[in-house]
Amino acid sequence: MFEPRRRPSPFYPLLVALSLVAGLFIGRDMAGDAGGPLTVFNLRKPTSSDKIGQVVDLIDAQYVDSVAKDQLVDEVLQDLLQRLDPHSYYISAAELRAAQEPL
């Protein structure tokens, strides 16, 4: 009438553990194509220069097209100074060298 209960195999926990480890490795390899880890939570308050650097690094890592980081930073600095004071102007290192060359 009643069938005797089968005793579970001692290999089931090992099989489950191996499946979890294999899943972790497969997930890590699939996430490796995303361009690296992205920090979501930052517990310390970043300074202004950290914010600009973080945004530029994020754009460089995640933006679809290639970005010239130096040119982007130069344009941000020019715009920042123009908004603060219309008589101020940011001169990049290349522009400064060109201005200092003898005529």
Protein backbone atom coordinates (compact mmCIF):
# COMPACT_ATOMS: atom_id res chain seq x y z
CA MET A 1 0.00 0.00 0.00
CA PHE A 2 2.54 2.56 1.05
CA GLU A 3 5.86 2.63 -0.67
CA PRO A 4 8.85 2.96 1.57
CA ARG A 5 10.32 6.45 1.55
CA ARG A 6 13.48 6.78 -0.51
CA ARG A 7 16.39 8.19 1.32
CA PRO A 8 17.70 11.35 -0.44
CA SER A 9 21.08 11.06 -2.01
CA PRO A 10 23.93 12.74 -0.14
CA PHE A 11 25.07 14.19 -3.47
CA TYR A 12 22.09 16.58 -3.82
CA PRO A 13 23.63 19.37 -1.70
CA LEU A 14 26.86 19.01 -3.67
CA LEU A 15 24.95 19.23 -6.96
CA VAL A 16 23.12 22.36 -5.77
CA ALA A 17 26.37 23.99 -4.62
CA LEU A 18 28.10 23.24 -7.92
CA SER A 19 25.13 24.67 -9.83
CA LEU A 20 25.31 27.89 -7.80
CA VAL A 21 29.05 28.24 -8.36
CA ALA A 22 28.64 27.62 -12.10
CA GLY A 23 25.87 30.25 -12.22
CA LEU A 24 28.09 32.77 -10.46
CA PHE A 25 30.92 32.24 -12.94
CA ILE A 26 28.59 32.45 -15.94
CA GLY A 27 27.00 35.65 -14.57
CA ARG A 28 30.39 37.22 -13.90
CA ASP A 29 31.55 36.49 -17.44
CA MET A 30 28.36 37.90 -18.95
CA ALA A 31 28.59 41.08 -16.85
CA GLY A 32 32.24 41.54 -17.86
CA ASP A 33 31.09 42.90 -21.23
CA ALA A 34 29.39 45.88 -19.57
CA GLY A 35 32.63 47.88 -19.31
CA GLY A 36 33.37 47.32 -15.65
CA PRO A 37 31.51 47.82 -12.42
CA LEU A 38 29.38 50.89 -11.98
CA THR A 39 29.32 52.42 -8.50
CA VAL A 40 25.73 53.02 -7.52
CA PHE A 41 26.09 54.04 -3.89
CA ASN A 42 28.71 56.53 -2.79
CA LEU A 43 28.45 57.18 0.94
CA ARG A 44 30.88 60.09 1.13
CA LYS A 45 29.99 63.50 -0.24
CA PRO A 46 32.10 64.11 -3.36
CA THR A 47 33.84 67.42 -3.91
CA SER A 48 33.13 69.50 -7.00
CA SER A 49 36.20 68.22 -8.83
CA ASP A 50 35.24 64.64 -7.94
CA LYS A 51 31.79 65.18 -9.44
CA ILE A 52 33.21 66.49 -12.71
CA GLY A 53 35.73 63.66 -12.87
CA GLN A 54 33.10 61.04 -12.07
CA VAL A 55 30.76 62.35 -14.76
CA VAL A 56 33.54 62.47 -17.35
CA ASP A 57 34.67 58.94 -16.43
CA LEU A 58 31.08 57.68 -16.59
CA ILE A 59 30.59 59.27 -20.01
CA ASP A 60 33.88 57.77 -21.20
CA ALA A 61 32.93 54.29 -19.96
CA GLN A 62 29.22 54.13 -20.81
CA TYR A 63 28.64 56.52 -23.74
CA VAL A 64 28.03 54.86 -27.09
CA ASP A 65 30.41 57.01 -29.15
CA SER A 66 34.04 57.71 -28.35
CA VAL A 67 34.64 60.92 -26.40
CA ALA A 68 37.73 63.14 -26.22
CA LYS A 69 37.94 63.56 -22.44
CA ASP A 70 40.42 66.46 -22.48
CA GLN A 71 38.35 68.43 -24.98
CA LEU A 72 35.19 67.76 -22.98
CA VAL A 73 36.80 69.00 -19.74
CA ASP A 74 38.19 72.10 -21.50
CA GLU A 75 34.72 72.96 -22.83
CA VAL A 76 33.13 72.47 -19.42
CA LEU A 77 35.73 74.75 -17.80
CA GLN A 78 35.25 77.42 -20.48
CA ASP A 79 31.48 77.36 -19.99
CA LEU A 80 31.83 77.42 -16.20
CA LEU A 81 34.06 80.50 -16.23
CA GLN A 82 31.87 82.30 -18.79
CA ARG A 83 28.81 81.77 -16.60
CA LEU A 84 30.60 83.02 -13.48
CA ASP A 85 32.20 86.06 -15.07
CA PRO A 86 31.82 87.10 -18.72
CA HIS A 87 35.29 88.68 -18.61
CA SER A 88 37.07 85.46 -17.56
CA TYR A 89 38.34 82.97 -20.09
CA TYR A 90 39.87 79.53 -19.70
CA ILE A 91 43.00 78.97 -21.78
CA SER A 92 43.94 75.36 -22.35
CA ALA A 93 47.58 74.26 -22.28
CA ALA A 94 47.71 74.02 -26.08
CA GLU A 95 46.25 77.52 -26.51
CA LEU A 96 48.70 78.91 -23.95
CA ARG A 97 51.68 77.38 -25.77
CA ALA A 98 50.42 78.81 -29.05
CA ALA A 99 49.97 82.26 -27.48
CA GLN A 100 53.47 82.21 -25.98
CA GLU A 101 55.22 81.29 -29.24
CA PRO A 102 57.17 84.16 -30.76
CA LEU A 103 55.68 85.69 -33.88
